[in-house]
Amino acid sequence: GQMDSYAVLQNGGVEELEVEVPSGSIRLVSRLTIAANQETSFLIDWNLHKGLNDPVGHPGLFLRPALRIIDMAQSGTLNGTVAMPLVLAASCANDLNLDIGNSVYIYAATGVAPDDFDAADPEPLATTAVTQNQTGEYVYETVLSPGLYTVAFTCQAMNDLPDTSEVIAFVQPQAAAIVGGQTTTINFVAPGGN
């Protein structure tokens, strides 16, 4: 039969496997408010780091609902840079040639001690890839609902399996306040310098 879904691997290959939702349906668990006679725009963010699984012994991929809904009329932007020494550290589990393995993890409160995806709190609300831009800097950017967050960088994101606890080293957890219509910049600096 013809497959109507597939996954493109990080190394550029295509996983010719069916992608299925085990529960058979997707439900949005948070409320949406839509005003009458006004244009409304929502971003539904599906975190594939948590949601896309390759179960052992199953000839395909499972896509589990791990949805985040953002009202774009009220959203703010989080962005920043990551200093080169942080992605070159000996402890890193990343692939700079493929530009993968570097991520900023975002938690839905300030003062959170960062933890990996493992079905135990604190779970990341979101993650966003840190990638190299055209001038060689490592940068990230994402959209968030207004609120207070903890953000932290890791160069070991490739080691983070979604259902089990791994020891992932996080660098420089910082508080971020997101305000609608504004950009908040959080940079991760080189140890002992800028």
Protein backbone atom coordinates (compact mmCIF):
# COMPACT_ATOMS: atom_id res chain seq x y z
CA GLY A 1 0.00 0.00 0.00
CA GLN A 2 0.96 3.62 -0.42
CA MET A 3 2.32 5.39 2.63
CA ASP A 4 0.80 8.79 3.24
CA SER A 5 3.36 9.86 5.84
CA TYR A 6 7.09 9.54 6.35
CA ALA A 7 9.89 11.02 8.43
CA VAL A 8 12.98 12.82 7.18
CA LEU A 9 15.93 11.85 9.38
CA GLN A 10 18.40 14.34 10.83
CA ASN A 11 21.15 12.94 8.63
CA GLY A 12 19.06 13.78 5.56
CA GLY A 13 17.77 10.26 4.94
CA VAL A 14 14.08 9.50 4.63
CA GLU A 15 12.50 6.99 7.00
CA GLU A 16 10.07 5.18 4.70
CA LEU A 17 7.92 4.10 7.60
CA GLU A 18 4.30 4.81 8.36
CA VAL A 19 3.76 7.47 11.01
CA GLU A 20 0.71 6.72 13.12
CA VAL A 21 -1.05 8.19 16.14
CA PRO A 22 -1.56 5.23 18.54
CA SER A 23 -4.65 6.75 20.15
CA GLY A 24 -6.18 7.37 16.72
CA SER A 25 -7.11 10.97 17.49
CA ILE A 26 -5.72 14.24 18.74
CA ARG A 27 -7.38 16.35 21.42
CA LEU A 28 -6.51 19.87 22.47
CA VAL A 29 -6.55 19.94 26.27
CA SER A 30 -6.25 23.69 26.79
CA ARG A 31 -9.02 26.16 26.10
CA LEU A 32 -9.16 28.47 23.11
CA THR A 33 -10.78 31.88 23.25
CA ILE A 34 -11.99 33.22 19.93
CA ALA A 35 -13.53 36.70 19.88
CA ALA A 36 -16.52 37.43 17.66
CA ASN A 37 -15.89 39.35 14.42
CA GLN A 38 -12.13 39.42 14.91
CA GLU A 39 -9.34 37.64 13.11
CA THR A 40 -7.80 34.97 15.32
CA SER A 41 -4.46 33.25 14.75
CA PHE A 42 -3.15 30.31 16.77
CA LEU A 43 0.12 28.45 16.50
CA ILE A 44 -0.06 24.76 17.38
CA ASP A 45 3.44 23.58 18.25
CA TRP A 46 3.96 19.83 18.09
CA ASN A 47 7.23 19.00 19.83
CA LEU A 48 8.67 16.11 17.82
CA HIS A 49 11.47 15.53 20.35
CA LYS A 50 8.79 14.31 22.76
CA GLY A 51 6.10 13.29 20.31
CA LEU A 52 7.89 11.21 17.64
CA ASN A 53 8.91 7.76 18.83
CA ASP A 54 10.43 4.70 17.17
CA PRO A 55 9.09 1.83 19.28
CA VAL A 56 11.22 -1.31 19.49
CA GLY A 57 9.75 -4.15 17.47
CA HIS A 58 7.26 -1.92 15.60
CA PRO A 59 7.86 -1.27 11.88
CA GLY A 60 6.96 2.41 11.98
CA LEU A 61 6.92 5.57 14.00
CA PHE A 62 4.43 6.64 16.65
CA LEU A 63 3.33 10.27 16.82
CA ARG A 64 1.95 11.13 20.23
CA PRO A 65 0.04 14.31 20.96
CA ALA A 66 2.37 16.73 22.71
CA LEU A 67 0.73 19.95 21.62
CA ARG A 68 1.24 23.52 22.74
CA ILE A 69 -1.21 26.22 21.64
CA ILE A 70 -0.14 29.85 21.34
CA ASP A 71 -2.44 32.77 20.62
CA MET A 72 -0.36 34.69 18.09
CA ALA A 73 -2.14 37.97 18.94
CA GLN A 74 -0.65 37.81 22.44
CA SER A 75 2.59 35.95 21.85
CA GLY A 76 6.14 37.13 22.42
CA THR A 77 9.44 36.00 20.95
CA LEU A 78 12.36 34.42 22.79
CA ASN A 79 15.71 34.44 21.03
CA GLY A 80 19.41 34.57 21.69
CA THR A 81 22.87 33.33 20.94
CA VAL A 82 25.00 30.50 22.34
CA ALA A 83 28.74 31.08 22.68
CA MET A 84 30.95 28.83 20.58
CA PRO A 85 32.81 27.23 23.54
CA LEU A 86 29.47 25.86 24.83
CA VAL A 87 28.85 23.83 21.65
CA LEU A 88 32.51 22.73 21.44
CA ALA A 89 32.80 21.45 25.03
CA ALA A 90 34.27 17.97 25.44
CA SER A 91 31.10 16.80 27.19
CA CYS A 92 28.88 17.58 24.21
CA ALA A 93 26.85 14.91 22.43
CA ASN A 94 26.14 16.89 19.29
CA ASP A 95 27.01 16.72 15.60
CA LEU A 96 28.24 20.07 14.35
CA ASN A 97 28.48 18.82 10.76
CA LEU A 98 24.75 18.01 10.74
CA ASP A 99 24.06 20.99 13.05
CA ILE A 100 22.08 18.87 15.54
CA GLY A 101 22.18 18.12 19.25
CA ASN A 102 22.16 21.70 20.56
CA SER A 103 18.90 22.85 22.16
CA VAL A 104 17.38 25.37 24.52
CA TYR A 105 14.90 23.79 26.93
CA ILE A 106 12.05 25.96 28.23
CA TYR A 107 10.14 25.38 31.49
CA ALA A 108 6.85 27.00 32.54
CA ALA A 109 8.08 28.77 35.69
CA THR A 110 11.12 30.60 36.99
CA GLY A 111 13.62 28.94 39.30
CA VAL A 112 13.21 25.49 37.73
CA ALA A 113 16.13 23.07 37.95
CA PRO A 114 16.22 21.81 34.33
CA ASP A 115 15.49 18.14 33.69
CA ASP A 116 15.20 15.99 30.58
CA PHE A 117 12.06 14.56 28.98
CA ASP A 118 11.23 11.58 31.21
CA ALA A 119 7.52 11.71 32.15
CA ALA A 120 8.44 13.19 35.55
CA ASP A 121 8.31 16.82 36.58
CA PRO A 122 9.71 19.21 35.72
CA GLU A 123 8.95 18.44 32.08
CA PRO A 124 10.09 20.95 29.48
CA LEU A 125 7.20 23.00 28.10
CA ALA A 126 9.12 23.29 24.85
CA THR A 127 12.52 22.89 23.28
CA THR A 128 14.00 24.83 20.40
CA ALA A 129 16.98 23.94 18.26
CA VAL A 130 20.17 25.97 18.40
CA THR A 131 21.61 26.14 14.89
CA GLN A 132 24.42 27.94 13.15
CA ASN A 133 23.41 31.01 11.15
CA GLN A 134 25.05 32.36 8.00
CA THR A 135 27.66 34.31 9.97
CA GLY A 136 28.67 31.24 12.00
CA GLU A 137 26.92 32.20 15.25
CA TYR A 138 24.82 29.66 17.12
CA VAL A 139 21.33 31.10 17.53
CA TYR A 140 17.81 30.11 18.53
CA GLU A 141 14.34 31.63 18.33
CA THR A 142 10.86 30.53 19.36
CA VAL A 143 7.40 31.93 20.10
CA LEU A 144 5.87 31.71 23.59
CA SER A 145 2.72 32.82 25.38
CA PRO A 146 3.24 35.68 27.85
CA GLY A 147 4.58 34.52 31.20
CA LEU A 148 7.63 33.65 33.26
CA TYR A 149 9.91 30.84 32.16
CA THR A 150 13.23 29.15 32.90
CA VAL A 151 15.45 28.59 29.85
CA ALA A 152 18.62 26.49 29.76
CA PHE A 153 21.03 25.31 27.08
CA THR A 154 22.29 21.78 26.48
CA CYS A 155 24.64 20.34 23.87
CA GLN A 156 23.51 16.82 24.83
CA ALA A 157 19.96 16.91 23.39
CA MET A 158 20.67 13.89 21.17
CA ASN A 159 20.98 11.77 24.35
CA ASP A 160 17.52 12.77 25.63
CA LEU A 161 15.06 9.93 24.99
CA PRO A 162 11.45 11.04 25.55
CA ASP A 163 10.22 8.40 28.01
CA THR A 164 13.26 7.60 30.13
CA SER A 165 15.46 9.60 32.46
CA GLU A 166 18.92 10.43 31.18
CA VAL A 167 21.59 12.56 32.80
CA ILE A 168 21.64 15.64 30.58
CA ALA A 169 23.97 18.53 31.43
CA PHE A 170 22.22 21.91 31.26
CA VAL A 171 24.14 25.18 31.13
CA GLN A 172 23.24 28.59 32.57
CA PRO A 173 19.54 28.24 33.50
CA GLN A 174 18.06 31.74 33.36
CA ALA A 175 14.72 33.39 34.00
CA ALA A 176 12.89 34.82 30.98
CA ALA A 177 9.85 37.10 31.09
CA ILE A 178 7.84 36.95 27.87
CA VAL A 179 5.61 39.92 27.04
CA GLY A 180 3.11 39.92 24.18
CA GLY A 181 4.39 41.68 21.06
CA GLN A 182 7.94 41.96 22.38
CA THR A 183 11.20 40.05 21.95
CA THR A 184 13.12 38.79 24.97
CA THR A 185 16.77 37.94 24.35
CA ILE A 186 18.56 35.39 26.54
CA ASN A 187 22.18 34.69 25.57
CA PHE A 188 24.30 31.81 26.80
CA VAL A 189 27.86 33.07 27.25
CA ALA A 190 31.26 31.45 27.37
CA PRO A 191 32.42 30.37 30.83
CA GLY A 192 34.27 33.20 32.55
CA GLY A 193 33.60 35.64 29.75
CA ASN A 194 31.17 36.94 27.19
